[in-house]
């Protein structure tokens, strides 16, 4: 059974989906999709864990304490800021800076961020 805000990936074609309405098992290419674990640490932590910085009227989210590469073969596809009521997403392309600005009045204690690397998967900060 899927849960709201979970991220799933097809092991065959690479399709990635986020659950908006919870329900049955997701499938793609005739196979069940894989639930992506929200990583917070491993050998690549310094390049993947999102860092949230409060700014006037919202938050800046940067990816990693060391800037992540943004090459066609290895890049951050998107960054999300999650609040109790909203999911704010900024999609990125190779060559762009791995950061995003999100305007929201949500309290800092209530926000988390996550990002998706095309090679290393889902990361939460």
PDB file of N, CA and C in Angstrom:
ATOM      1  N   UNK A   1       0.839  -1.182   0.000  1.00  0.00           N
ATOM      2  CA  UNK A   1       0.000   0.000   0.000  1.00  0.00           C
ATOM      3  C   UNK A   1       0.887   1.249   0.000  1.00  0.00           C
ATOM      4  N   UNK A   2       0.682   2.121  -0.949  1.00  0.00           N
ATOM      5  CA  UNK A   2       1.481   3.339  -1.032  1.00  0.00           C
ATOM      6  C   UNK A   2       0.994   4.385  -0.038  1.00  0.00           C
ATOM      7  N   UNK A   3       1.889   5.327   0.297  1.00  0.00           N
ATOM      8  CA  UNK A   3       1.563   6.421   1.209  1.00  0.00           C
ATOM      9  C   UNK A   3       1.830   7.745   0.502  1.00  0.00           C
ATOM     10  N   UNK A   4       1.098   8.769   0.904  1.00  0.00           N
ATOM     11  CA  UNK A   4       1.259  10.087   0.313  1.00  0.00           C
ATOM     12  C   UNK A   4       2.706  10.565   0.459  1.00  0.00           C
ATOM     13  N   UNK A   5       3.219  11.202  -0.581  1.00  0.00           N
ATOM     14  CA  UNK A   5       4.561  11.784  -0.678  1.00  0.00           C
ATOM     15  C   UNK A   5       5.681  10.766  -0.863  1.00  0.00           C
ATOM     16  N   UNK A   6       5.368   9.475  -0.943  1.00  0.00           N
ATOM     17  CA  UNK A   6       6.417   8.496  -1.238  1.00  0.00           C
ATOM     18  C   UNK A   6       6.853   8.645  -2.693  1.00  0.00           C
ATOM     19  N   UNK A   7       8.119   8.300  -2.955  1.00  0.00           N
ATOM     20  CA  UNK A   7       8.679   8.353  -4.305  1.00  0.00           C
ATOM     21  C   UNK A   7       8.986   6.921  -4.739  1.00  0.00           C
ATOM     22  N   UNK A   8       8.537   6.569  -5.949  1.00  0.00           N
ATOM     23  CA  UNK A   8       8.774   5.233  -6.506  1.00  0.00           C
ATOM     24  C   UNK A   8       9.503   5.363  -7.839  1.00  0.00           C
ATOM     25  N   UNK A   9      10.313   4.342  -8.162  1.00  0.00           N
ATOM     26  CA  UNK A   9      11.071   4.340  -9.416  1.00  0.00           C
ATOM     27  C   UNK A   9      10.921   2.988 -10.106  1.00  0.00           C
ATOM     28  N   UNK A  10      10.733   3.024 -11.416  1.00  0.00           N
ATOM     29  CA  UNK A  10      10.686   1.803 -12.218  1.00  0.00           C
ATOM     30  C   UNK A  10      12.114   1.316 -12.439  1.00  0.00           C
ATOM     31  N   UNK A  11      12.360   0.062 -12.121  1.00  0.00           N
ATOM     32  CA  UNK A  11      13.694  -0.522 -12.273  1.00  0.00           C
ATOM     33  C   UNK A  11      14.027  -0.824 -13.736  1.00  0.00           C
ATOM     34  N   UNK A  12      13.038  -0.753 -14.611  1.00  0.00           N
ATOM     35  CA  UNK A  12      13.266  -1.063 -16.026  1.00  0.00           C
ATOM     36  C   UNK A  12      13.492   0.212 -16.841  1.00  0.00           C
ATOM     37  N   UNK A  13      12.554   1.156 -16.792  1.00  0.00           N
ATOM     38  CA  UNK A  13      12.659   2.351 -17.639  1.00  0.00           C
ATOM     39  C   UNK A  13      13.140   3.597 -16.906  1.00  0.00           C
ATOM     40  N   UNK A  14      13.172   3.558 -15.558  1.00  0.00           N
ATOM     41  CA  UNK A  14      13.630   4.713 -14.791  1.00  0.00           C
ATOM     42  C   UNK A  14      12.554   5.737 -14.480  1.00  0.00           C
ATOM     43  N   UNK A  15      11.305   5.473 -14.840  1.00  0.00           N
ATOM     44  CA  UNK A  15      10.203   6.379 -14.542  1.00  0.00           C
ATOM     45  C   UNK A  15      10.127   6.608 -13.029  1.00  0.00           C
ATOM     46  N   UNK A  16       9.961   7.873 -12.606  1.00  0.00           N
ATOM     47  CA  UNK A  16       9.873   8.223 -11.192  1.00  0.00           C
ATOM     48  C   UNK A  16       8.521   8.880 -10.945  1.00  0.00           C
ATOM     49  N   UNK A  17       7.822   8.444  -9.882  1.00  0.00           N
ATOM     50  CA  UNK A  17       6.525   9.024  -9.530  1.00  0.00           C
ATOM     51  C   UNK A  17       6.473   9.345  -8.045  1.00  0.00           C
ATOM     52  N   UNK A  18       5.703  10.390  -7.719  1.00  0.00           N
ATOM     53  CA  UNK A  18       5.445  10.744  -6.328  1.00  0.00           C
ATOM     54  C   UNK A  18       3.975  10.482  -6.054  1.00  0.00           C
ATOM     55  N   UNK A  19       3.681   9.844  -4.939  1.00  0.00           N
ATOM     56  CA  UNK A  19       2.308   9.491  -4.589  1.00  0.00           C
ATOM     57  C   UNK A  19       1.570  10.736  -4.094  1.00  0.00           C
ATOM     58  N   UNK A  20       0.460  11.042  -4.751  1.00  0.00           N
ATOM     59  CA  UNK A  20      -0.407  12.144  -4.353  1.00  0.00           C
ATOM     60  C   UNK A  20      -1.605  11.598  -3.588  1.00  0.00           C
ATOM     61  N   UNK A  21      -2.148  10.486  -4.058  1.00  0.00           N
ATOM     62  CA  UNK A  21      -3.249   9.801  -3.385  1.00  0.00           C
ATOM     63  C   UNK A  21      -2.796   8.384  -3.063  1.00  0.00           C
ATOM     64  N   UNK A  22      -2.768   8.012  -1.774  1.00  0.00           N
ATOM     65  CA  UNK A  22      -2.311   6.672  -1.415  1.00  0.00           C
ATOM     66  C   UNK A  22      -3.242   5.597  -1.960  1.00  0.00           C
ATOM     67  N   UNK A  23      -2.672   4.430  -2.182  1.00  0.00           N
ATOM     68  CA  UNK A  23      -3.493   3.355  -2.717  1.00  0.00           C
ATOM     69  C   UNK A  23      -2.719   2.084  -2.915  1.00  0.00           C
ATOM     70  N   UNK A  24      -3.038   1.407  -4.001  1.00  0.00           N
ATOM     71  CA  UNK A  24      -2.484   0.084  -4.290  1.00  0.00           C
ATOM     72  C   UNK A  24      -1.017   0.166  -4.708  1.00  0.00           C
ATOM     73  N   UNK A  25      -0.422  -0.998  -4.884  1.00  0.00           N
ATOM     74  CA  UNK A  25       0.962  -1.112  -5.333  1.00  0.00           C
ATOM     75  C   UNK A  25       1.088  -0.496  -6.720  1.00  0.00           C
ATOM     76  N   UNK A  26       2.140   0.299  -6.932  1.00  0.00           N
ATOM     77  CA  UNK A  26       2.384   0.918  -8.235  1.00  0.00           C
ATOM     78  C   UNK A  26       3.173  -0.028  -9.119  1.00  0.00           C
ATOM     79  N   UNK A  27       2.873  -0.014 -10.414  1.00  0.00           N
ATOM     80  CA  UNK A  27       3.639  -0.840 -11.344  1.00  0.00           C
ATOM     81  C   UNK A  27       3.936  -0.045 -12.605  1.00  0.00           C
ATOM     82  N   UNK A  28       4.998  -0.455 -13.283  1.00  0.00           N
ATOM     83  CA  UNK A  28       5.426   0.171 -14.531  1.00  0.00           C
ATOM     84  C   UNK A  28       6.169  -0.902 -15.320  1.00  0.00           C
ATOM     85  N   UNK A  29       6.045  -0.903 -16.606  1.00  0.00           N
ATOM     86  CA  UNK A  29       6.708  -1.893 -17.469  1.00  0.00           C
ATOM     87  C   UNK A  29       6.390  -3.323 -17.029  1.00  0.00           C
ATOM     88  N   UNK A  30       5.188  -3.527 -16.459  1.00  0.00           N
ATOM     89  CA  UNK A  30       4.752  -4.849 -16.042  1.00  0.00           C
ATOM     90  C   UNK A  30       5.345  -5.348 -14.739  1.00  0.00           C
ATOM     91  N   UNK A  31       6.077  -4.488 -14.017  1.00  0.00           N
ATOM     92  CA  UNK A  31       6.722  -4.876 -12.754  1.00  0.00           C
ATOM     93  C   UNK A  31       6.350  -3.886 -11.652  1.00  0.00           C
ATOM     94  N   UNK A  32       6.357  -4.339 -10.370  1.00  0.00           N
ATOM     95  CA  UNK A  32       6.135  -3.400  -9.269  1.00  0.00           C
ATOM     96  C   UNK A  32       7.252  -2.355  -9.236  1.00  0.00           C
ATOM     97  N   UNK A  33       6.882  -1.112  -8.931  1.00  0.00           N
ATOM     98  CA  UNK A  33       7.877  -0.050  -8.820  1.00  0.00           C
ATOM     99  C   UNK A  33       8.560  -0.137  -7.461  1.00  0.00           C
ATOM    100  N   UNK A  34       9.796   0.356  -7.388  1.00  0.00           N
ATOM    101  CA  UNK A  34      10.591   0.290  -6.161  1.00  0.00           C
ATOM    102  C   UNK A  34      10.424   1.580  -5.361  1.00  0.00           C
ATOM    103  N   UNK A  35      10.101   1.432  -4.064  1.00  0.00           N
ATOM    104  CA  UNK A  35      10.039   2.572  -3.158  1.00  0.00           C
ATOM    105  C   UNK A  35      11.453   3.104  -2.965  1.00  0.00           C
ATOM    106  N   UNK A  36      11.636   4.403  -3.175  1.00  0.00           N
ATOM    107  CA  UNK A  36      12.947   5.015  -3.006  1.00  0.00           C
ATOM    108  C   UNK A  36      13.136   5.404  -1.547  1.00  0.00           C
ATOM    109  N   UNK A  37      14.190   4.918  -0.952  1.00  0.00           N
ATOM    110  CA  UNK A  37      14.530   5.255   0.430  1.00  0.00           C
ATOM    111  C   UNK A  37      15.088   6.674   0.457  1.00  0.00           C
ATOM    112  N   UNK A  38      14.682   7.462   1.447  1.00  0.00           N
ATOM    113  CA  UNK A  38      15.212   8.814   1.609  1.00  0.00           C
ATOM    114  C   UNK A  38      16.547   8.722   2.327  1.00  0.00           C
ATOM    115  N   UNK A  39      17.632   8.756   1.564  1.00  0.00           N
ATOM    116  CA  UNK A  39      18.971   8.676   2.146  1.00  0.00           C
ATOM    117  C   UNK A  39      19.288   9.948   2.918  1.00  0.00           C
ATOM    118  N   UNK A  40      20.055   9.794   3.988  1.00  0.00           N
ATOM    119  CA  UNK A  40      20.533  10.942   4.751  1.00  0.00           C
ATOM    120  C   UNK A  40      22.029  10.867   4.975  1.00  0.00           C
ATOM    121  N   UNK A  41      22.616   9.695   4.714  1.00  0.00           N
ATOM    122  CA  UNK A  41      24.062   9.566   4.886  1.00  0.00           C
ATOM    123  C   UNK A  41      24.577   8.363   4.120  1.00  0.00           C
ATOM    124  N   UNK A  42      25.786   8.455   3.695  1.00  0.00           N
ATOM    125  CA  UNK A  42      26.607   7.398   3.110  1.00  0.00           C
ATOM    126  C   UNK A  42      27.862   8.085   2.608  1.00  0.00           C
ATOM    127  N   UNK A  43      28.619   7.472   1.771  1.00  0.00           N
ATOM    128  CA  UNK A  43      29.870   8.049   1.312  1.00  0.00           C
ATOM    129  C   UNK A  43      29.710   9.321   0.508  1.00  0.00           C
ATOM    130  N   UNK A  44      28.527   9.587  -0.035  1.00  0.00           N
ATOM    131  CA  UNK A  44      28.320  10.758  -0.887  1.00  0.00           C
ATOM    132  C   UNK A  44      27.489  11.838  -0.193  1.00  0.00           C
ATOM    133  N   UNK A  45      27.383  11.776   1.132  1.00  0.00           N
ATOM    134  CA  UNK A  45      26.539  12.704   1.891  1.00  0.00           C
ATOM    135  C   UNK A  45      26.861  14.164   1.584  1.00  0.00           C
ATOM    136  N   UNK A  46      28.142  14.517   1.532  1.00  0.00           N
ATOM    137  CA  UNK A  46      28.518  15.920   1.350  1.00  0.00           C
ATOM    138  C   UNK A  46      28.044  16.506   0.022  1.00  0.00           C
ATOM    139  N   UNK A  47      27.713  15.664  -0.945  1.00  0.00           N
ATOM    140  CA  UNK A  47      27.239  16.158  -2.240  1.00  0.00           C
ATOM    141  C   UNK A  47      25.739  15.975  -2.448  1.00  0.00           C
ATOM    142  N   UNK A  48      25.038  15.370  -1.498  1.00  0.00           N
ATOM    143  CA  UNK A  48      23.635  15.036  -1.743  1.00  0.00           C
ATOM    144  C   UNK A  48      22.623  15.536  -0.718  1.00  0.00           C
ATOM    145  N   UNK A  49      22.986  15.657   0.537  1.00  0.00           N
ATOM    146  CA  UNK A  49      21.989  16.028   1.548  1.00  0.00           C
ATOM    147  C   UNK A  49      21.588  17.497   1.367  1.00  0.00           C
ATOM    148  N   UNK A  50      20.294  17.766   1.173  1.00  0.00           N
ATOM    149  CA  UNK A  50      19.839  19.149   1.008  1.00  0.00           C
ATOM    150  C   UNK A  50      20.052  19.962   2.286  1.00  0.00           C
ATOM    151  N   UNK A  51      20.455  21.215   2.101  1.00  0.00           N
ATOM    152  CA  UNK A  51      20.674  22.139   3.211  1.00  0.00           C
ATOM    153  C   UNK A  51      19.659  23.270   3.077  1.00  0.00           C
ATOM    154  N   UNK A  52      18.869  23.485   4.140  1.00  0.00           N
ATOM    155  CA  UNK A  52      17.815  24.506   4.135  1.00  0.00           C
ATOM    156  C   UNK A  52      18.328  25.759   4.840  1.00  0.00           C
ATOM    157  N   UNK A  53      18.199  26.902   4.170  1.00  0.00           N
ATOM    158  CA  UNK A  53      18.604  28.185   4.740  1.00  0.00           C
ATOM    159  C   UNK A  53      17.399  29.128   4.718  1.00  0.00           C
ATOM    160  N   UNK A  54      16.976  29.618   5.906  1.00  0.00           N
ATOM    161  CA  UNK A  54      15.868  30.582   5.917  1.00  0.00           C
ATOM    162  C   UNK A  54      16.293  31.884   5.227  1.00  0.00           C
ATOM    163  N   UNK A  55      15.412  32.430   4.403  1.00  0.00           N
ATOM    164  CA  UNK A  55      15.612  33.741   3.782  1.00  0.00           C
ATOM    165  C   UNK A  55      14.320  34.521   3.971  1.00  0.00           C
ATOM    166  N   UNK A  56      14.339  35.806   3.695  1.00  0.00           N
ATOM    167  CA  UNK A  56      13.135  36.610   3.859  1.00  0.00           C
ATOM    168  C   UNK A  56      12.015  36.082   2.964  1.00  0.00           C
ATOM    169  N   UNK A  57      10.935  35.661   3.584  1.00  0.00           N
ATOM    170  CA  UNK A  57       9.769  35.181   2.851  1.00  0.00           C
ATOM    171  C   UNK A  57       9.806  33.720   2.452  1.00  0.00           C
ATOM    172  N   UNK A  58      10.841  32.992   2.866  1.00  0.00           N
ATOM    173  CA  UNK A  58      10.906  31.582   2.485  1.00  0.00           C
ATOM    174  C   UNK A  58      12.223  30.921   2.824  1.00  0.00           C
ATOM    175  N   UNK A  59      12.698  30.076   1.908  1.00  0.00           N
ATOM    176  CA  UNK A  59      13.893  29.265   2.154  1.00  0.00           C
ATOM    177  C   UNK A  59      14.690  29.075   0.871  1.00  0.00           C
ATOM    178  N   UNK A  60      16.004  28.993   1.032  1.00  0.00           N
ATOM    179  CA  UNK A  60      16.898  28.578  -0.050  1.00  0.00           C
ATOM    180  C   UNK A  60      17.336  27.160   0.286  1.00  0.00           C
ATOM    181  N   UNK A  61      17.249  26.268  -0.679  1.00  0.00           N
ATOM    182  CA  UNK A  61      17.719  24.896  -0.490  1.00  0.00           C
ATOM    183  C   UNK A  61      18.876  24.676  -1.458  1.00  0.00           C
ATOM    184  N   UNK A  62      20.024  24.322  -0.900  1.00  0.00           N
ATOM    185  CA  UNK A  62      21.184  23.968  -1.714  1.00  0.00           C
ATOM    186  C   UNK A  62      21.452  22.487  -1.522  1.00  0.00           C
ATOM    187  N   UNK A  63      22.052  21.871  -2.512  1.00  0.00           N
ATOM    188  CA  UNK A  63      22.309  20.434  -2.439  1.00  0.00           C
ATOM    189  C   UNK A  63      23.750  20.200  -2.026  1.00  0.00           C
ATOM    190  N   UNK A  64      23.906  19.700  -0.789  1.00  0.00           N
ATOM    191  CA  UNK A  64      25.208  19.315  -0.280  1.00  0.00           C
ATOM    192  C   UNK A  64      26.040  20.461   0.248  1.00  0.00           C
ATOM    193  N   UNK A  65      27.001  20.119   1.089  1.00  0.00           N
ATOM    194  CA  UNK A  65      27.961  21.098   1.586  1.00  0.00           C
ATOM    195  C   UNK A  65      29.066  21.313   0.560  1.00  0.00           C
ATOM    196  N   UNK A  66      29.218  20.377  -0.365  1.00  0.00           N
ATOM    197  CA  UNK A  66      30.110  20.490  -1.519  1.00  0.00           C
ATOM    198  C   UNK A  66      29.185  20.484  -2.736  1.00  0.00           C
ATOM    199  N   UNK A  67      29.341  21.464  -3.632  1.00  0.00           N
ATOM    200  CA  UNK A  67      28.402  21.574  -4.758  1.00  0.00           C
ATOM    201  C   UNK A  67      28.367  20.309  -5.605  1.00  0.00           C
ATOM    202  N   UNK A  68      27.154  19.845  -5.857  1.00  0.00           N
ATOM    203  CA  UNK A  68      26.924  18.630  -6.640  1.00  0.00           C
ATOM    204  C   UNK A  68      27.189  18.906  -8.117  1.00  0.00           C
ATOM    205  N   UNK A  69      27.784  17.947  -8.850  1.00  0.00           N
ATOM    206  CA  UNK A  69      27.947  18.140 -10.293  1.00  0.00           C
ATOM    207  C   UNK A  69      26.584  18.257 -10.977  1.00  0.00           C
ATOM    208  N   UNK A  70      26.559  19.001 -12.063  1.00  0.00           N
ATOM    209  CA  UNK A  70      25.323  19.161 -12.838  1.00  0.00           C
ATOM    210  C   UNK A  70      25.630  18.870 -14.303  1.00  0.00           C
ATOM    211  N   UNK A  71      26.126  17.663 -14.540  1.00  0.00           N
ATOM    212  CA  UNK A  71      26.503  17.199 -15.871  1.00  0.00           C
ATOM    213  C   UNK A  71      25.359  16.397 -16.484  1.00  0.00           C
ATOM    214  N   UNK A  72      25.277  16.292 -17.802  1.00  0.00           N
ATOM    215  CA  UNK A  72      24.192  15.517 -18.415  1.00  0.00           C
ATOM    216  C   UNK A  72      24.111  14.081 -17.895  1.00  0.00           C
ATOM    217  N   UNK A  73      25.230  13.489 -17.555  1.00  0.00           N
ATOM    218  CA  UNK A  73      25.238  12.103 -17.084  1.00  0.00           C
ATOM    219  C   UNK A  73      25.088  11.971 -15.565  1.00  0.00           C
ATOM    220  N   UNK A  74      25.150  13.100 -14.823  1.00  0.00           N
ATOM    221  CA  UNK A  74      25.064  13.051 -13.360  1.00  0.00           C
ATOM    222  C   UNK A  74      24.609  14.418 -12.852  1.00  0.00           C
ATOM    223  N   UNK A  75      23.339  14.485 -12.433  1.00  0.00           N
ATOM    224  CA  UNK A  75      22.831  15.780 -11.980  1.00  0.00           C
ATOM    225  C   UNK A  75      21.634  15.606 -11.042  1.00  0.00           C
ATOM    226  N   UNK A  76      21.287  16.702 -10.371  1.00  0.00           N
ATOM    227  CA  UNK A  76      20.104  16.752  -9.515  1.00  0.00           C
ATOM    228  C   UNK A  76      18.914  17.072 -10.414  1.00  0.00           C
ATOM    229  N   UNK A  77      17.916  16.183 -10.433  1.00  0.00           N
ATOM    230  CA  UNK A  77      16.754  16.381 -11.301  1.00  0.00           C
ATOM    231  C   UNK A  77      15.747  17.359 -10.702  1.00  0.00           C
ATOM    232  N   UNK A  78      15.575  17.300  -9.377  1.00  0.00           N
ATOM    233  CA  UNK A  78      14.652  18.211  -8.727  1.00  0.00           C
ATOM    234  C   UNK A  78      14.954  18.334  -7.240  1.00  0.00           C
ATOM    235  N   UNK A  79      14.490  19.451  -6.680  1.00  0.00           N
ATOM    236  CA  UNK A  79      14.576  19.732  -5.243  1.00  0.00           C
ATOM    237  C   UNK A  79      13.156  20.019  -4.773  1.00  0.00           C
ATOM    238  N   UNK A  80      12.796  19.484  -3.610  1.00  0.00           N
ATOM    239  CA  UNK A  80      11.480  19.750  -3.021  1.00  0.00           C
ATOM    240  C   UNK A  80      11.637  20.344  -1.629  1.00  0.00           C
ATOM    241  N   UNK A  81      10.736  21.245  -1.289  1.00  0.00           N
ATOM    242  CA  UNK A  81      10.573  21.714   0.078  1.00  0.00           C
ATOM    243  C   UNK A  81       9.213  21.206   0.523  1.00  0.00           C
ATOM    244  N   UNK A  82       9.195  20.487   1.642  1.00  0.00           N
ATOM    245  CA  UNK A  82       7.954  19.897   2.150  1.00  0.00           C
ATOM    246  C   UNK A  82       7.528  20.618   3.424  1.00  0.00           C
ATOM    247  N   UNK A  83       6.258  21.029   3.461  1.00  0.00           N
ATOM    248  CA  UNK A  83       5.673  21.624   4.653  1.00  0.00           C
ATOM    249  C   UNK A  83       4.526  20.705   5.081  1.00  0.00           C
ATOM    250  N   UNK A  84       3.899  20.966   6.213  1.00  0.00           N
ATOM    251  CA  UNK A  84       2.781  20.104   6.606  1.00  0.00           C
ATOM    252  C   UNK A  84       1.640  20.077   5.583  1.00  0.00           C
ATOM    253  N   UNK A  85       1.503  21.136   4.782  1.00  0.00           N
ATOM    254  CA  UNK A  85       0.378  21.203   3.845  1.00  0.00           C
ATOM    255  C   UNK A  85       0.772  21.248   2.371  1.00  0.00           C
ATOM    256  N   UNK A  86       2.048  21.469   2.064  1.00  0.00           N
ATOM    257  CA  UNK A  86       2.452  21.670   0.672  1.00  0.00           C
ATOM    258  C   UNK A  86       3.708  20.889   0.298  1.00  0.00           C
ATOM    259  N   UNK A  87       3.805  20.600  -0.992  1.00  0.00           N
ATOM    260  CA  UNK A  87       5.030  20.078  -1.596  1.00  0.00           C
ATOM    261  C   UNK A  87       5.401  21.075  -2.688  1.00  0.00           C
ATOM    262  N   UNK A  88       6.528  21.758  -2.509  1.00  0.00           N
ATOM    263  CA  UNK A  88       7.002  22.741  -3.482  1.00  0.00           C
ATOM    264  C   UNK A  88       8.197  22.126  -4.199  1.00  0.00           C
ATOM    265  N   UNK A  89       8.140  22.068  -5.529  1.00  0.00           N
ATOM    266  CA  UNK A  89       9.198  21.393  -6.296  1.00  0.00           C
ATOM    267  C   UNK A  89       9.806  22.344  -7.317  1.00  0.00           C
ATOM    268  N   UNK A  90      11.138  22.268  -7.434  1.00  0.00           N
ATOM    269  CA  UNK A  90      11.872  23.019  -8.457  1.00  0.00           C
ATOM    270  C   UNK A  90      12.652  22.012  -9.289  1.00  0.00           C
ATOM    271  N   UNK A  91      12.355  21.948 -10.578  1.00  0.00           N
ATOM    272  CA  UNK A  91      13.043  21.009 -11.465  1.00  0.00           C
ATOM    273  C   UNK A  91      14.301  21.657 -12.019  1.00  0.00           C
ATOM    274  N   UNK A  92      15.355  20.855 -12.155  1.00  0.00           N
ATOM    275  CA  UNK A  92      16.656  21.341 -12.615  1.00  0.00           C
ATOM    276  C   UNK A  92      17.086  20.619 -13.879  1.00  0.00           C
ATOM    277  N   UNK A  93      18.010  21.256 -14.591  1.00  0.00           N
ATOM    278  CA  UNK A  93      18.598  20.668 -15.796  1.00  0.00           C
ATOM    279  C   UNK A  93      20.114  20.694 -15.663  1.00  0.00           C
ATOM    280  N   UNK A  94      20.815  19.824 -16.388  1.00  0.00           N
ATOM    281  CA  UNK A  94      22.279  19.874 -16.374  1.00  0.00           C
ATOM    282  C   UNK A  94      22.757  21.300 -16.685  1.00  0.00           C
ATOM    283  N   UNK A  95      23.805  21.715 -15.977  1.00  0.00           N
ATOM    284  CA  UNK A  95      24.372  23.046 -16.162  1.00  0.00           C
ATOM    285  C   UNK A  95      23.827  24.085 -15.207  1.00  0.00           C
ATOM    286  N   UNK A  96      22.654  23.830 -14.601  1.00  0.00           N
ATOM    287  CA  UNK A  96      22.092  24.778 -13.642  1.00  0.00           C
ATOM    288  C   UNK A  96      22.720  24.572 -12.269  1.00  0.00           C
ATOM    289  N   UNK A  97      22.637  25.598 -11.435  1.00  0.00           N
ATOM    290  CA  UNK A  97      23.143  25.507 -10.070  1.00  0.00           C
ATOM    291  C   UNK A  97      22.199  24.616  -9.256  1.00  0.00           C
ATOM    292  N   UNK A  98      22.741  23.699  -8.440  1.00  0.00           N
ATOM    293  CA  UNK A  98      21.887  22.788  -7.660  1.00  0.00           C
ATOM    294  C   UNK A  98      21.308  23.452  -6.411  1.00  0.00           C
ATOM    295  N   UNK A  99      20.412  24.401  -6.626  1.00  0.00           N
ATOM    296  CA  UNK A  99      19.749  25.097  -5.527  1.00  0.00           C
ATOM    297  C   UNK A  99      18.396  25.599  -5.999  1.00  0.00           C
ATOM    298  N   UNK A 100      17.556  25.949  -5.016  1.00  0.00           N
ATOM    299  CA  UNK A 100      16.223  26.459  -5.331  1.00  0.00           C
ATOM    300  C   UNK A 100      15.775  27.410  -4.237  1.00  0.00           C
ATOM    301  N   UNK A 101      14.959  28.387  -4.614  1.00  0.00           N
ATOM    302  CA  UNK A 101      14.335  29.322  -3.681  1.00  0.00           C
ATOM    303  C   UNK A 101      12.851  28.975  -3.624  1.00  0.00           C
ATOM    304  N   UNK A 102      12.337  28.839  -2.406  1.00  0.00           N
ATOM    305  CA  UNK A 102      10.924  28.532  -2.200  1.00  0.00           C
ATOM    306  C   UNK A 102      10.321  29.612  -1.311  1.00  0.00           C
ATOM    307  N   UNK A 103       9.280  30.261  -1.785  1.00  0.00           N
ATOM    308  CA  UNK A 103       8.607  31.293  -1.011  1.00  0.00           C
ATOM    309  C   UNK A 103       7.422  30.650  -0.286  1.00  0.00           C
ATOM    310  N   UNK A 104       7.474  30.690   1.047  1.00  0.00           N
ATOM    311  CA  UNK A 104       6.424  30.109   1.877  1.00  0.00           C
ATOM    312  C   UNK A 104       6.498  30.726   3.262  1.00  0.00           C
ATOM    313  N   UNK A 105       5.381  30.765   3.950  1.00  0.00           N
ATOM    314  CA  UNK A 105       5.349  31.286   5.317  1.00  0.00           C
ATOM    315  C   UNK A 105       5.475  30.170   6.353  1.00  0.00           C
ATOM    316  N   UNK A 106       5.738  28.949   5.917  1.00  0.00           N
ATOM    317  CA  UNK A 106       5.858  27.815   6.844  1.00  0.00           C
ATOM    318  C   UNK A 106       6.993  28.055   7.840  1.00  0.00           C
ATOM    319  N   UNK A 107       6.770  27.650   9.068  1.00  0.00           N
ATOM    320  CA  UNK A 107       7.780  27.780  10.117  1.00  0.00           C
ATOM    321  C   UNK A 107       8.950  26.837   9.850  1.00  0.00           C
ATOM    322  N   UNK A 108      10.155  27.275  10.204  1.00  0.00           N
ATOM    323  CA  UNK A 108      11.367  26.485   9.955  1.00  0.00           C
ATOM    324  C   UNK A 108      11.283  25.101  10.591  1.00  0.00           C
ATOM    325  N   UNK A 109      10.664  24.999  11.749  1.00  0.00           N
ATOM    326  CA  UNK A 109      10.566  23.699  12.424  1.00  0.00           C
ATOM    327  C   UNK A 109       9.686  22.717  11.652  1.00  0.00           C
ATOM    328  N   UNK A 110       8.887  23.248  10.717  1.00  0.00           N
ATOM    329  CA  UNK A 110       7.932  22.415   9.987  1.00  0.00           C
ATOM    330  C   UNK A 110       8.363  22.052   8.570  1.00  0.00           C
ATOM    331  N   UNK A 111       9.557  22.488   8.131  1.00  0.00           N
ATOM    332  CA  UNK A 111       9.956  22.220   6.750  1.00  0.00           C
ATOM    333  C   UNK A 111      11.088  21.198   6.676  1.00  0.00           C
ATOM    334  N   UNK A 112      11.035  20.397   5.638  1.00  0.00           N
ATOM    335  CA  UNK A 112      12.132  19.490   5.302  1.00  0.00           C
ATOM    336  C   UNK A 112      12.357  19.622   3.797  1.00  0.00           C
ATOM    337  N   UNK A 113      13.495  19.146   3.351  1.00  0.00           N
ATOM    338  CA  UNK A 113      13.796  19.203   1.919  1.00  0.00           C
ATOM    339  C   UNK A 113      14.277  17.840   1.470  1.00  0.00           C
ATOM    340  N   UNK A 114      14.074  17.570   0.192  1.00  0.00           N
ATOM    341  CA  UNK A 114      14.636  16.373  -0.407  1.00  0.00           C
ATOM    342  C   UNK A 114      14.963  16.678  -1.859  1.00  0.00           C
ATOM    343  N   UNK A 115      15.856  15.874  -2.404  1.00  0.00           N
ATOM    344  CA  UNK A 115      16.272  16.049  -3.790  1.00  0.00           C
ATOM    345  C   UNK A 115      16.468  14.693  -4.423  1.00  0.00           C
ATOM    346  N   UNK A 116      16.428  14.690  -5.772  1.00  0.00           N
ATOM    347  CA  UNK A 116      16.587  13.436  -6.497  1.00  0.00           C
ATOM    348  C   UNK A 116      17.756  13.555  -7.460  1.00  0.00           C
ATOM    349  N   UNK A 117      18.779  12.721  -7.242  1.00  0.00           N
ATOM    350  CA  UNK A 117      19.955  12.636  -8.108  1.00  0.00           C
ATOM    351  C   UNK A 117      19.713  11.506  -9.105  1.00  0.00           C
ATOM    352  N   UNK A 118      19.980  11.762 -10.382  1.00  0.00           N
ATOM    353  CA  UNK A 118      19.698  10.744 -11.398  1.00  0.00           C
ATOM    354  C   UNK A 118      20.536   9.482 -11.208  1.00  0.00           C
ATOM    355  N   UNK A 119      21.672   9.562 -10.513  1.00  0.00           N
ATOM    356  CA  UNK A 119      22.495   8.370 -10.270  1.00  0.00           C
ATOM    357  C   UNK A 119      22.360   7.805  -8.862  1.00  0.00           C
ATOM    358  N   UNK A 120      22.198   8.672  -7.865  1.00  0.00           N
ATOM    359  CA  UNK A 120      22.251   8.226  -6.471  1.00  0.00           C
ATOM    360  C   UNK A 120      20.926   8.294  -5.733  1.00  0.00           C
ATOM    361  N   UNK A 121      19.840   8.606  -6.445  1.00  0.00           N
ATOM    362  CA  UNK A 121      18.518   8.509  -5.854  1.00  0.00           C
ATOM    363  C   UNK A 121      18.085   9.664  -4.980  1.00  0.00           C
ATOM    364  N   UNK A 122      17.202   9.342  -4.035  1.00  0.00           N
ATOM    365  CA  UNK A 122      16.486  10.305  -3.207  1.00  0.00           C
ATOM    366  C   UNK A 122      17.246  10.605  -1.921  1.00  0.00           C
ATOM    367  N   UNK A 123      17.353  11.904  -1.590  1.00  0.00           N
ATOM    368  CA  UNK A 123      18.063  12.355  -0.392  1.00  0.00           C
ATOM    369  C   UNK A 123      17.197  13.338   0.371  1.00  0.00           C
ATOM    370  N   UNK A 124      17.254  13.254   1.707  1.00  0.00           N
ATOM    371  CA  UNK A 124      16.453  14.116   2.573  1.00  0.00           C
ATOM    372  C   UNK A 124      17.373  14.892   3.500  1.00  0.00           C
ATOM    373  N   UNK A 125      16.995  16.134   3.774  1.00  0.00           N
ATOM    374  CA  UNK A 125      17.787  16.956   4.690  1.00  0.00           C
ATOM    375  C   UNK A 125      16.913  17.760   5.607  1.00  0.00           C
TER     376      UNK A 125
END
